[in-house]
Amino acid sequence: QALAANKGVSPRVGYRAPDFVVKDLAGNDVTLSDQLGKPVFINFFATW
């Protein structure tokens, strides 16, 4: 259902992970693709 709701945008085995842009604590843009070259552990989080 989640994959269908996002029309194929979600991560899929065998395909490059969807890129995204976030900010580091210094206010700089950081993309997932900046991390190429090693495995990436992604965790979506909230303090509450």
ModelCIF file with pLDDT and N, C-alpha, C, O atoms, coordinates in Angstrom:
data_MODEL
#
_entry.id   MODEL 
#
_entity.id                         1 
_entity.type                       polymer 
_entity.pdbx_number_of_molecules   1 
#
_entity_poly.entity_id                      1 
_entity_poly.type                           'polypeptide(L)' 
_entity_poly.nstd_linkage                   no 
_entity_poly.nstd_monomer                   no 
_entity_poly.pdbx_seq_one_letter_code       QALAANKGVSPRVGYRAPDFVVKDLAGNDVTLSDQLGKPVFINFFATW 
_entity_poly.pdbx_seq_one_letter_code_can   QALAANKGVSPRVGYRAPDFVVKDLAGNDVTLSDQLGKPVFINFFATW 
_entity_poly.pdbx_strand_id                 A 
#
loop_
_entity_poly_seq.entity_id 
_entity_poly_seq.num 
_entity_poly_seq.mon_id 
_entity_poly_seq.hetero 
1 1  GLN n 
1 2  ALA n 
1 3  LEU n 
1 4  ALA n 
1 5  ALA n 
1 6  ASN n 
1 7  LYS n 
1 8  GLY n 
1 9  VAL n 
1 10 SER n 
1 11 PRO n 
1 12 ARG n 
1 13 VAL n 
1 14 GLY n 
1 15 TYR n 
1 16 ARG n 
1 17 ALA n 
1 18 PRO n 
1 19 ASP n 
1 20 PHE n 
1 21 VAL n 
1 22 VAL n 
1 23 LYS n 
1 24 ASP n 
1 25 LEU n 
1 26 ALA n 
1 27 GLY n 
1 28 ASN n 
1 29 ASP n 
1 30 VAL n 
1 31 THR n 
1 32 LEU n 
1 33 SER n 
1 34 ASP n 
1 35 GLN n 
1 36 LEU n 
1 37 GLY n 
1 38 LYS n 
1 39 PRO n 
1 40 VAL n 
1 41 PHE n 
1 42 ILE n 
1 43 ASN n 
1 44 PHE n 
1 45 PHE n 
1 46 ALA n 
1 47 THR n 
1 48 TRP n 
#
_struct_asym.id          A 
_struct_asym.entity_id   1 
#
loop_
_ma_qa_metric.id 
_ma_qa_metric.mode 
_ma_qa_metric.name 
_ma_qa_metric.software_group_id 
_ma_qa_metric.type 
1 global pLDDT . pLDDT 
2 local  pLDDT . pLDDT 
#
_ma_qa_metric_global.metric_id      1 
_ma_qa_metric_global.metric_value   84.42 
_ma_qa_metric_global.model_id       1 
_ma_qa_metric_global.ordinal_id     1 
#
loop_
_ma_qa_metric_local.label_asym_id 
_ma_qa_metric_local.label_comp_id 
_ma_qa_metric_local.label_seq_id 
_ma_qa_metric_local.metric_id 
_ma_qa_metric_local.metric_value 
_ma_qa_metric_local.model_id 
_ma_qa_metric_local.ordinal_id 
A GLN 1  2 43.00 1 1  
A ALA 2  2 44.00 1 2  
A LEU 3  2 43.00 1 3  
A ALA 4  2 42.00 1 4  
A ALA 5  2 47.00 1 5  
A ASN 6  2 45.00 1 6  
A LYS 7  2 50.00 1 7  
A GLY 8  2 49.00 1 8  
A VAL 9  2 59.00 1 9  
A SER 10 2 70.00 1 10 
A PRO 11 2 80.00 1 11 
A ARG 12 2 82.00 1 12 
A VAL 13 2 84.00 1 13 
A GLY 14 2 85.00 1 14 
A TYR 15 2 87.00 1 15 
A ARG 16 2 87.00 1 16 
A ALA 17 2 90.00 1 17 
A PRO 18 2 92.00 1 18 
A ASP 19 2 94.00 1 19 
A PHE 20 2 96.00 1 20 
A VAL 21 2 97.00 1 21 
A VAL 22 2 98.00 1 22 
A LYS 23 2 98.00 1 23 
A ASP 24 2 98.00 1 24 
A LEU 25 2 97.00 1 25 
A ALA 26 2 97.00 1 26 
A GLY 27 2 97.00 1 27 
A ASN 28 2 98.00 1 28 
A ASP 29 2 98.00 1 29 
A VAL 30 2 98.00 1 30 
A THR 31 2 97.00 1 31 
A LEU 32 2 96.00 1 32 
A SER 33 2 95.00 1 33 
A ASP 34 2 95.00 1 34 
A GLN 35 2 93.00 1 35 
A LEU 36 2 91.00 1 36 
A GLY 37 2 91.00 1 37 
A LYS 38 2 91.00 1 38 
A PRO 39 2 93.00 1 39 
A VAL 40 2 94.00 1 40 
A PHE 41 2 95.00 1 41 
A ILE 42 2 96.00 1 42 
A ASN 43 2 96.00 1 43 
A PHE 44 2 97.00 1 44 
A PHE 45 2 96.00 1 45 
A ALA 46 2 97.00 1 46 
A THR 47 2 97.00 1 47 
A TRP 48 2 97.00 1 48 
#
loop_
_atom_site.group_PDB 
_atom_site.id 
_atom_site.type_symbol 
_atom_site.label_atom_id 
_atom_site.label_alt_id 
_atom_site.label_comp_id 
_atom_site.label_asym_id 
_atom_site.label_entity_id 
_atom_site.label_seq_id 
_atom_site.pdbx_PDB_ins_code 
_atom_site.Cartn_x 
_atom_site.Cartn_y 
_atom_site.Cartn_z 
_atom_site.occupancy 
_atom_site.B_iso_or_equiv 
_atom_site.pdbx_formal_charge 
_atom_site.auth_seq_id 
_atom_site.auth_comp_id 
_atom_site.auth_asym_id 
_atom_site.auth_atom_id 
_atom_site.pdbx_PDB_model_num 
ATOM 1   N N  . GLN A 1 1  ? 0.831  -1.204 0.000  1.00 43.00 ? 1  GLN A N  1 
ATOM 2   C CA . GLN A 1 1  ? 0.000  0.000  0.000  1.00 43.00 ? 1  GLN A CA 1 
ATOM 3   C C  . GLN A 1 1  ? 0.860  1.247  0.000  1.00 43.00 ? 1  GLN A C  1 
ATOM 4   O O  . GLN A 1 1  ? 0.556  2.205  -0.710 1.00 43.00 ? 1  GLN A O  1 
ATOM 5   N N  . ALA A 1 2  ? 1.924  1.254  0.779  1.00 44.00 ? 2  ALA A N  1 
ATOM 6   C CA . ALA A 1 2  ? 2.795  2.427  0.835  1.00 44.00 ? 2  ALA A CA 1 
ATOM 7   C C  . ALA A 1 2  ? 3.469  2.643  -0.513 1.00 44.00 ? 2  ALA A C  1 
ATOM 8   O O  . ALA A 1 2  ? 3.585  3.780  -0.970 1.00 44.00 ? 2  ALA A O  1 
ATOM 9   N N  . LEU A 1 3  ? 3.908  1.579  -1.146 1.00 43.00 ? 3  LEU A N  1 
ATOM 10  C CA . LEU A 1 3  ? 4.548  1.716  -2.452 1.00 43.00 ? 3  LEU A CA 1 
ATOM 11  C C  . LEU A 1 3  ? 3.557  2.215  -3.484 1.00 43.00 ? 3  LEU A C  1 
ATOM 12  O O  . LEU A 1 3  ? 3.892  3.070  -4.304 1.00 43.00 ? 3  LEU A O  1 
ATOM 13  N N  . ALA A 1 4  ? 2.337  1.690  -3.453 1.00 42.00 ? 4  ALA A N  1 
ATOM 14  C CA . ALA A 1 4  ? 1.332  2.126  -4.414 1.00 42.00 ? 4  ALA A CA 1 
ATOM 15  C C  . ALA A 1 4  ? 0.941  3.580  -4.183 1.00 42.00 ? 4  ALA A C  1 
ATOM 16  O O  . ALA A 1 4  ? 0.726  4.326  -5.138 1.00 42.00 ? 4  ALA A O  1 
ATOM 17  N N  . ALA A 1 5  ? 0.847  3.986  -2.917 1.00 47.00 ? 5  ALA A N  1 
ATOM 18  C CA . ALA A 1 5  ? 0.457  5.363  -2.603 1.00 47.00 ? 5  ALA A CA 1 
ATOM 19  C C  . ALA A 1 5  ? 1.474  6.364  -3.124 1.00 47.00 ? 5  ALA A C  1 
ATOM 20  O O  . ALA A 1 5  ? 1.108  7.476  -3.504 1.00 47.00 ? 5  ALA A O  1 
ATOM 21  N N  . ASN A 1 6  ? 2.733  5.988  -3.147 1.00 45.00 ? 6  ASN A N  1 
ATOM 22  C CA . ASN A 1 6  ? 3.781  6.900  -3.622 1.00 45.00 ? 6  ASN A CA 1 
ATOM 23  C C  . ASN A 1 6  ? 4.114  6.689  -5.090 1.00 45.00 ? 6  ASN A C  1 
ATOM 24  O O  . ASN A 1 6  ? 5.083  7.263  -5.588 1.00 45.00 ? 6  ASN A O  1 
ATOM 25  N N  . LYS A 1 7  ? 3.331  5.879  -5.794 1.00 50.00 ? 7  LYS A N  1 
ATOM 26  C CA . LYS A 1 7  ? 3.498  5.659  -7.234 1.00 50.00 ? 7  LYS A CA 1 
ATOM 27  C C  . LYS A 1 7  ? 4.923  5.295  -7.609 1.00 50.00 ? 7  LYS A C  1 
ATOM 28  O O  . LYS A 1 7  ? 5.481  5.847  -8.557 1.00 50.00 ? 7  LYS A O  1 
ATOM 29  N N  . GLY A 1 8  ? 5.517  4.359  -6.860 1.00 49.00 ? 8  GLY A N  1 
ATOM 30  C CA . GLY A 1 8  ? 6.829  3.853  -7.224 1.00 49.00 ? 8  GLY A CA 1 
ATOM 31  C C  . GLY A 1 8  ? 7.996  4.704  -6.775 1.00 49.00 ? 8  GLY A C  1 
ATOM 32  O O  . GLY A 1 8  ? 9.134  4.395  -7.128 1.00 49.00 ? 8  GLY A O  1 
ATOM 33  N N  . VAL A 1 9  ? 7.769  5.763  -6.010 1.00 59.00 ? 9  VAL A N  1 
ATOM 34  C CA . VAL A 1 9  ? 8.851  6.627  -5.561 1.00 59.00 ? 9  VAL A CA 1 
ATOM 35  C C  . VAL A 1 9  ? 9.613  5.986  -4.412 1.00 59.00 ? 9  VAL A C  1 
ATOM 36  O O  . VAL A 1 9  ? 10.795 6.269  -4.219 1.00 59.00 ? 9  VAL A O  1 
ATOM 37  N N  . SER A 1 10 ? 8.964  5.143  -3.662 1.00 70.00 ? 10 SER A N  1 
ATOM 38  C CA . SER A 1 10 ? 9.574  4.535  -2.484 1.00 70.00 ? 10 SER A CA 1 
ATOM 39  C C  . SER A 1 10 ? 10.751 3.654  -2.867 1.00 70.00 ? 10 SER A C  1 
ATOM 40  O O  . SER A 1 10 ? 10.851 3.210  -4.011 1.00 70.00 ? 10 SER A O  1 
ATOM 41  N N  . PRO A 1 11 ? 11.642 3.399  -1.916 1.00 80.00 ? 11 PRO A N  1 
ATOM 42  C CA . PRO A 1 11 ? 12.803 2.558  -2.193 1.00 80.00 ? 11 PRO A CA 1 
ATOM 43  C C  . PRO A 1 11 ? 12.382 1.162  -2.631 1.00 80.00 ? 11 PRO A C  1 
ATOM 44  O O  . PRO A 1 11 ? 11.407 0.600  -2.131 1.00 80.00 ? 11 PRO A O  1 
ATOM 45  N N  . ARG A 1 12 ? 13.145 0.615  -3.581 1.00 82.00 ? 12 ARG A N  1 
ATOM 46  C CA . ARG A 1 12 ? 12.896 -0.743 -4.054 1.00 82.00 ? 12 ARG A CA 1 
ATOM 47  C C  . ARG A 1 12 ? 14.228 -1.453 -4.186 1.00 82.00 ? 12 ARG A C  1 
ATOM 48  O O  . ARG A 1 12 ? 15.228 -0.867 -4.601 1.00 82.00 ? 12 ARG A O  1 
ATOM 49  N N  . VAL A 1 13 ? 14.223 -2.729 -3.824 1.00 84.00 ? 13 VAL A N  1 
ATOM 50  C CA . VAL A 1 13 ? 15.431 -3.545 -3.921 1.00 84.00 ? 13 VAL A CA 1 
ATOM 51  C C  . VAL A 1 13 ? 15.898 -3.562 -5.372 1.00 84.00 ? 13 VAL A C  1 
ATOM 52  O O  . VAL A 1 13 ? 15.102 -3.754 -6.291 1.00 84.00 ? 13 VAL A O  1 
ATOM 53  N N  . GLY A 1 14 ? 17.192 -3.359 -5.561 1.00 85.00 ? 14 GLY A N  1 
ATOM 54  C CA . GLY A 1 14 ? 17.770 -3.387 -6.890 1.00 85.00 ? 14 GLY A CA 1 
ATOM 55  C C  . GLY A 1 14 ? 17.804 -2.040 -7.590 1.00 85.00 ? 14 GLY A C  1 
ATOM 56  O O  . GLY A 1 14 ? 18.339 -1.935 -8.693 1.00 85.00 ? 14 GLY A O  1 
ATOM 57  N N  . TYR A 1 15 ? 17.246 -1.010 -6.974 1.00 87.00 ? 15 TYR A N  1 
ATOM 58  C CA . TYR A 1 15 ? 17.221 0.327  -7.552 1.00 87.00 ? 15 TYR A CA 1 
ATOM 59  C C  . TYR A 1 15 ? 17.914 1.302  -6.612 1.00 87.00 ? 15 TYR A C  1 
ATOM 60  O O  . TYR A 1 15 ? 18.002 1.063  -5.408 1.00 87.00 ? 15 TYR A O  1 
ATOM 61  N N  . ARG A 1 16 ? 18.399 2.390  -7.168 1.00 87.00 ? 16 ARG A N  1 
ATOM 62  C CA . ARG A 1 16 ? 19.022 3.420  -6.345 1.00 87.00 ? 16 ARG A CA 1 
ATOM 63  C C  . ARG A 1 16 ? 17.975 4.005  -5.389 1.00 87.00 ? 16 ARG A C  1 
ATOM 64  O O  . ARG A 1 16 ? 16.824 4.222  -5.769 1.00 87.00 ? 16 ARG A O  1 
ATOM 65  N N  . ALA A 1 17 ? 18.385 4.248  -4.173 1.00 90.00 ? 17 ALA A N  1 
ATOM 66  C CA . ALA A 1 17 ? 17.485 4.829  -3.174 1.00 90.00 ? 17 ALA A CA 1 
ATOM 67  C C  . ALA A 1 17 ? 17.077 6.238  -3.608 1.00 90.00 ? 17 ALA A C  1 
ATOM 68  O O  . ALA A 1 17 ? 17.907 6.983  -4.130 1.00 90.00 ? 17 ALA A O  1 
ATOM 69  N N  . PRO A 1 18 ? 15.813 6.612  -3.400 1.00 92.00 ? 18 PRO A N  1 
ATOM 70  C CA . PRO A 1 18 ? 15.381 7.971  -3.748 1.00 92.00 ? 18 PRO A CA 1 
ATOM 71  C C  . PRO A 1 18 ? 16.206 9.013  -2.983 1.00 92.00 ? 18 PRO A C  1 
ATOM 72  O O  . PRO A 1 18 ? 16.393 8.910  -1.770 1.00 92.00 ? 18 PRO A O  1 
ATOM 73  N N  . ASP A 1 19 ? 16.682 9.995  -3.702 1.00 94.00 ? 19 ASP A N  1 
ATOM 74  C CA . ASP A 1 19 ? 17.494 11.040 -3.094 1.00 94.00 ? 19 ASP A CA 1 
ATOM 75  C C  . ASP A 1 19 ? 16.599 12.019 -2.332 1.00 94.00 ? 19 ASP A C  1 
ATOM 76  O O  . ASP A 1 19 ? 15.413 12.141 -2.637 1.00 94.00 ? 19 ASP A O  1 
ATOM 77  N N  . PHE A 1 20 ? 17.151 12.701 -1.363 1.00 96.00 ? 20 PHE A N  1 
ATOM 78  C CA . PHE A 1 20 ? 16.434 13.741 -0.641 1.00 96.00 ? 20 PHE A CA 1 
ATOM 79  C C  . PHE A 1 20 ? 17.433 14.761 -0.125 1.00 96.00 ? 20 PHE A C  1 
ATOM 80  O O  . PHE A 1 20 ? 18.633 14.497 -0.060 1.00 96.00 ? 20 PHE A O  1 
ATOM 81  N N  . VAL A 1 21 ? 16.921 15.929 0.241  1.00 97.00 ? 21 VAL A N  1 
ATOM 82  C CA . VAL A 1 21 ? 17.748 17.017 0.770  1.00 97.00 ? 21 VAL A CA 1 
ATOM 83  C C  . VAL A 1 21 ? 17.272 17.341 2.171  1.00 97.00 ? 21 VAL A C  1 
ATOM 84  O O  . VAL A 1 21 ? 16.077 17.525 2.401  1.00 97.00 ? 21 VAL A O  1 
ATOM 85  N N  . VAL A 1 22 ? 18.206 17.411 3.107  1.00 98.00 ? 22 VAL A N  1 
ATOM 86  C CA . VAL A 1 22 ? 17.926 17.809 4.489  1.00 98.00 ? 22 VAL A CA 1 
ATOM 87  C C  . VAL A 1 22 ? 18.971 18.845 4.891  1.00 98.00 ? 22 VAL A C  1 
ATOM 88  O O  . VAL A 1 22 ? 19.894 19.126 4.126  1.00 98.00 ? 22 VAL A O  1 
ATOM 89  N N  . LYS A 1 23 ? 18.833 19.405 6.073  1.00 98.00 ? 23 LYS A N  1 
ATOM 90  C CA . LYS A 1 23 ? 19.794 20.379 6.588  1.00 98.00 ? 23 LYS A CA 1 
ATOM 91  C C  . LYS A 1 23 ? 20.591 19.758 7.722  1.00 98.00 ? 23 LYS A C  1 
ATOM 92  O O  . LYS A 1 23 ? 20.043 19.028 8.548  1.00 98.00 ? 23 LYS A O  1 
ATOM 93  N N  . ASP A 1 24 ? 21.901 20.052 7.759  1.00 98.00 ? 24 ASP A N  1 
ATOM 94  C CA . ASP A 1 24 ? 22.668 19.663 8.934  1.00 98.00 ? 24 ASP A CA 1 
ATOM 95  C C  . ASP A 1 24 ? 22.469 20.741 9.994  1.00 98.00 ? 24 ASP A C  1 
ATOM 96  O O  . ASP A 1 24 ? 21.802 21.744 9.737  1.00 98.00 ? 24 ASP A O  1 
ATOM 97  N N  . LEU A 1 25 ? 23.029 20.550 11.161 1.00 97.00 ? 25 LEU A N  1 
ATOM 98  C CA . LEU A 1 25 ? 22.801 21.507 12.254 1.00 97.00 ? 25 LEU A CA 1 
ATOM 99  C C  . LEU A 1 25 ? 23.485 22.854 12.021 1.00 97.00 ? 25 LEU A C  1 
ATOM 100 O O  . LEU A 1 25 ? 23.208 23.820 12.732 1.00 97.00 ? 25 LEU A O  1 
ATOM 101 N N  . ALA A 1 26 ? 24.376 22.923 11.032 1.00 97.00 ? 26 ALA A N  1 
ATOM 102 C CA . ALA A 1 26 ? 25.005 24.192 10.662 1.00 97.00 ? 26 ALA A CA 1 
ATOM 103 C C  . ALA A 1 26 ? 24.186 24.924 9.600  1.00 97.00 ? 26 ALA A C  1 
ATOM 104 O O  . ALA A 1 26 ? 24.541 26.031 9.194  1.00 97.00 ? 26 ALA A O  1 
ATOM 105 N N  . GLY A 1 27 ? 23.082 24.305 9.148  1.00 97.00 ? 27 GLY A N  1 
ATOM 106 C CA . GLY A 1 27 ? 22.218 24.937 8.162  1.00 97.00 ? 27 GLY A CA 1 
ATOM 107 C C  . GLY A 1 27 ? 22.572 24.626 6.715  1.00 97.00 ? 27 GLY A C  1 
ATOM 108 O O  . GLY A 1 27 ? 21.983 25.197 5.797  1.00 97.00 ? 27 GLY A O  1 
ATOM 109 N N  . ASN A 1 28 ? 23.524 23.729 6.503  1.00 98.00 ? 28 ASN A N  1 
ATOM 110 C CA . ASN A 1 28 ? 23.931 23.361 5.145  1.00 98.00 ? 28 ASN A CA 1 
ATOM 111 C C  . ASN A 1 28 ? 23.028 22.277 4.577  1.00 98.00 ? 28 ASN A C  1 
ATOM 112 O O  . ASN A 1 28 ? 22.566 21.396 5.303  1.00 98.00 ? 28 ASN A O  1 
ATOM 113 N N  . ASP A 1 29 ? 22.779 22.350 3.263  1.00 98.00 ? 29 ASP A N  1 
ATOM 114 C CA . ASP A 1 29 ? 22.041 21.284 2.592  1.00 98.00 ? 29 ASP A CA 1 
ATOM 115 C C  . ASP A 1 29 ? 22.909 20.035 2.507  1.00 98.00 ? 29 ASP A C  1 
ATOM 116 O O  . ASP A 1 29 ? 24.094 20.108 2.182  1.00 98.00 ? 29 ASP A O  1 
ATOM 117 N N  . VAL A 1 30 ? 22.300 18.888 2.803  1.00 98.00 ? 30 VAL A N  1 
ATOM 118 C CA . VAL A 1 30 ? 22.967 17.592 2.693  1.00 98.00 ? 30 VAL A CA 1 
ATOM 119 C C  . VAL A 1 30 ? 22.004 16.682 1.944  1.00 98.00 ? 30 VAL A C  1 
ATOM 120 O O  . VAL A 1 30 ? 20.813 16.642 2.252  1.00 98.00 ? 30 VAL A O  1 
ATOM 121 N N  . THR A 1 31 ? 22.518 15.954 0.963  1.00 97.00 ? 31 THR A N  1 
ATOM 122 C CA . THR A 1 31 ? 21.676 15.017 0.224  1.00 97.00 ? 31 THR A CA 1 
ATOM 123 C C  . THR A 1 31 ? 22.115 13.588 0.527  1.00 97.00 ? 31 THR A C  1 
ATOM 124 O O  . THR A 1 31 ? 23.254 13.334 0.920  1.00 97.00 ? 31 THR A O  1 
ATOM 125 N N  . LEU A 1 32 ? 21.189 12.678 0.337  1.00 96.00 ? 32 LEU A N  1 
ATOM 126 C CA . LEU A 1 32 ? 21.537 11.270 0.488  1.00 96.00 ? 32 LEU A CA 1 
ATOM 127 C C  . LEU A 1 32 ? 22.646 10.916 -0.495 1.00 96.00 ? 32 LEU A C  1 
ATOM 128 O O  . LEU A 1 32 ? 23.557 10.160 -0.158 1.00 96.00 ? 32 LEU A O  1 
ATOM 129 N N  . SER A 1 33 ? 22.573 11.455 -1.700 1.00 95.00 ? 33 SER A N  1 
ATOM 130 C CA . SER A 1 33 ? 23.584 11.127 -2.712 1.00 95.00 ? 33 SER A CA 1 
ATOM 131 C C  . SER A 1 33 ? 24.974 11.633 -2.330 1.00 95.00 ? 33 SER A C  1 
ATOM 132 O O  . SER A 1 33 ? 25.966 11.172 -2.895 1.00 95.00 ? 33 SER A O  1 
ATOM 133 N N  . ASP A 1 34 ? 25.070 12.571 -1.385 1.00 95.00 ? 34 ASP A N  1 
ATOM 134 C CA . ASP A 1 34 ? 26.383 12.998 -0.871 1.00 95.00 ? 34 ASP A CA 1 
ATOM 135 C C  . ASP A 1 34 ? 27.097 11.854 -0.164 1.00 95.00 ? 34 ASP A C  1 
ATOM 136 O O  . ASP A 1 34 ? 28.315 11.893 0.006  1.00 95.00 ? 34 ASP A O  1 
ATOM 137 N N  . GLN A 1 35 ? 26.359 10.851 0.242  1.00 93.00 ? 35 GLN A N  1 
ATOM 138 C CA . GLN A 1 35 ? 26.907 9.758  1.040  1.00 93.00 ? 35 GLN A CA 1 
ATOM 139 C C  . GLN A 1 35 ? 27.416 8.585  0.190  1.00 93.00 ? 35 GLN A C  1 
ATOM 140 O O  . GLN A 1 35 ? 27.814 7.557  0.738  1.00 93.00 ? 35 GLN A O  1 
ATOM 141 N N  . LEU A 1 36 ? 27.408 8.729  -1.141 1.00 91.00 ? 36 LEU A N  1 
ATOM 142 C CA . LEU A 1 36 ? 27.849 7.637  -2.009 1.00 91.00 ? 36 LEU A CA 1 
ATOM 143 C C  . LEU A 1 36 ? 29.232 7.138  -1.606 1.00 91.00 ? 36 LEU A C  1 
ATOM 144 O O  . LEU A 1 36 ? 30.102 7.919  -1.222 1.00 91.00 ? 36 LEU A O  1 
ATOM 145 N N  . GLY A 1 37 ? 29.416 5.844  -1.698 1.00 91.00 ? 37 GLY A N  1 
ATOM 146 C CA . GLY A 1 37 ? 30.716 5.266  -1.399 1.00 91.00 ? 37 GLY A CA 1 
ATOM 147 C C  . GLY A 1 37 ? 30.716 4.348  -0.193 1.00 91.00 ? 37 GLY A C  1 
ATOM 148 O O  . GLY A 1 37 ? 31.646 3.561  -0.018 1.00 91.00 ? 37 GLY A O  1 
ATOM 149 N N  . LYS A 1 38 ? 29.698 4.434  0.635  1.00 91.00 ? 38 LYS A N  1 
ATOM 150 C CA . LYS A 1 38 ? 29.586 3.510  1.767  1.00 91.00 ? 38 LYS A CA 1 
ATOM 151 C C  . LYS A 1 38 ? 28.114 3.288  2.067  1.00 91.00 ? 38 LYS A C  1 
ATOM 152 O O  . LYS A 1 38 ? 27.270 4.091  1.670  1.00 91.00 ? 38 LYS A O  1 
ATOM 153 N N  . PRO A 1 39 ? 27.801 2.209  2.762  1.00 93.00 ? 39 PRO A N  1 
ATOM 154 C CA . PRO A 1 39 ? 26.402 1.973  3.131  1.00 93.00 ? 39 PRO A CA 1 
ATOM 155 C C  . PRO A 1 39 ? 25.886 3.121  3.986  1.00 93.00 ? 39 PRO A C  1 
ATOM 156 O O  . PRO A 1 39 ? 26.649 3.766  4.704  1.00 93.00 ? 39 PRO A O  1 
ATOM 157 N N  . VAL A 1 40 ? 24.581 3.370  3.902  1.00 94.00 ? 40 VAL A N  1 
ATOM 158 C CA . VAL A 1 40 ? 23.964 4.457  4.663  1.00 94.00 ? 40 VAL A CA 1 
ATOM 159 C C  . VAL A 1 40 ? 22.869 3.890  5.558  1.00 94.00 ? 40 VAL A C  1 
ATOM 160 O O  . VAL A 1 40 ? 21.987 3.165  5.099  1.00 94.00 ? 40 VAL A O  1 
ATOM 161 N N  . PHE A 1 41 ? 22.940 4.230  6.835  1.00 95.00 ? 41 PHE A N  1 
ATOM 162 C CA . PHE A 1 41 ? 21.903 3.883  7.804  1.00 95.00 ? 41 PHE A CA 1 
ATOM 163 C C  . PHE A 1 41 ? 21.021 5.118  7.935  1.00 95.00 ? 41 PHE A C  1 
ATOM 164 O O  . PHE A 1 41 ? 21.469 6.155  8.426  1.00 95.00 ? 41 PHE A O  1 
ATOM 165 N N  . ILE A 1 42 ? 19.766 5.010  7.496  1.00 96.00 ? 42 ILE A N  1 
ATOM 166 C CA . ILE A 1 42 ? 18.824 6.130  7.580  1.00 96.00 ? 42 ILE A CA 1 
ATOM 167 C C  . ILE A 1 42 ? 17.782 5.797  8.631  1.00 96.00 ? 42 ILE A C  1 
ATOM 168 O O  . ILE A 1 42 ? 17.216 4.703  8.635  1.00 96.00 ? 42 ILE A O  1 
ATOM 169 N N  . ASN A 1 43 ? 17.534 6.742  9.517  1.00 96.00 ? 43 ASN A N  1 
ATOM 170 C CA . ASN A 1 43 ? 16.494 6.569  10.522 1.00 96.00 ? 43 ASN A CA 1 
ATOM 171 C C  . ASN A 1 43 ? 15.684 7.854  10.594 1.00 96.00 ? 43 ASN A C  1 
ATOM 172 O O  . ASN A 1 43 ? 16.227 8.927  10.856 1.00 96.00 ? 43 ASN A O  1 
ATOM 173 N N  . PHE A 1 44 ? 14.380 7.740  10.359 1.00 97.00 ? 44 PHE A N  1 
ATOM 174 C CA . PHE A 1 44 ? 13.491 8.896  10.497 1.00 97.00 ? 44 PHE A CA 1 
ATOM 175 C C  . PHE A 1 44 ? 13.061 8.957  11.955 1.00 97.00 ? 44 PHE A C  1 
ATOM 176 O O  . PHE A 1 44 ? 12.740 7.933  12.557 1.00 97.00 ? 44 PHE A O  1 
ATOM 177 N N  . PHE A 1 45 ? 13.055 10.163 12.521 1.00 96.00 ? 45 PHE A N  1 
ATOM 178 C CA . PHE A 1 45 ? 13.068 10.329 13.966 1.00 96.00 ? 45 PHE A CA 1 
ATOM 179 C C  . PHE A 1 45 ? 12.277 11.570 14.377 1.00 96.00 ? 45 PHE A C  1 
ATOM 180 O O  . PHE A 1 45 ? 12.125 12.509 13.596 1.00 96.00 ? 45 PHE A O  1 
ATOM 181 N N  . ALA A 1 46 ? 11.779 11.560 15.605 1.00 97.00 ? 46 ALA A N  1 
ATOM 182 C CA . ALA A 1 46 ? 11.223 12.750 16.255 1.00 97.00 ? 46 ALA A CA 1 
ATOM 183 C C  . ALA A 1 46 ? 11.481 12.621 17.757 1.00 97.00 ? 46 ALA A C  1 
ATOM 184 O O  . ALA A 1 46 ? 11.424 11.521 18.307 1.00 97.00 ? 46 ALA A O  1 
ATOM 185 N N  . THR A 1 47 ? 11.761 13.734 18.411 1.00 97.00 ? 47 THR A N  1 
ATOM 186 C CA . THR A 1 47 ? 12.108 13.689 19.834 1.00 97.00 ? 47 THR A CA 1 
ATOM 187 C C  . THR A 1 47 ? 10.931 13.260 20.705 1.00 97.00 ? 47 THR A C  1 
ATOM 188 O O  . THR A 1 47 ? 11.140 12.729 21.796 1.00 97.00 ? 47 THR A O  1 
ATOM 189 N N  . TRP A 1 48 ? 9.715  13.475 20.253 1.00 97.00 ? 48 TRP A N  1 
ATOM 190 C CA . TRP A 1 48 ? 8.523  13.133 21.034 1.00 97.00 ? 48 TRP A CA 1 
ATOM 191 C C  . TRP A 1 48 ? 8.133  11.657 20.876 1.00 97.00 ? 48 TRP A C  1 
ATOM 192 O O  . TRP A 1 48 ? 7.151  11.211 21.469 1.00 97.00 ? 48 TRP A O  1 
#
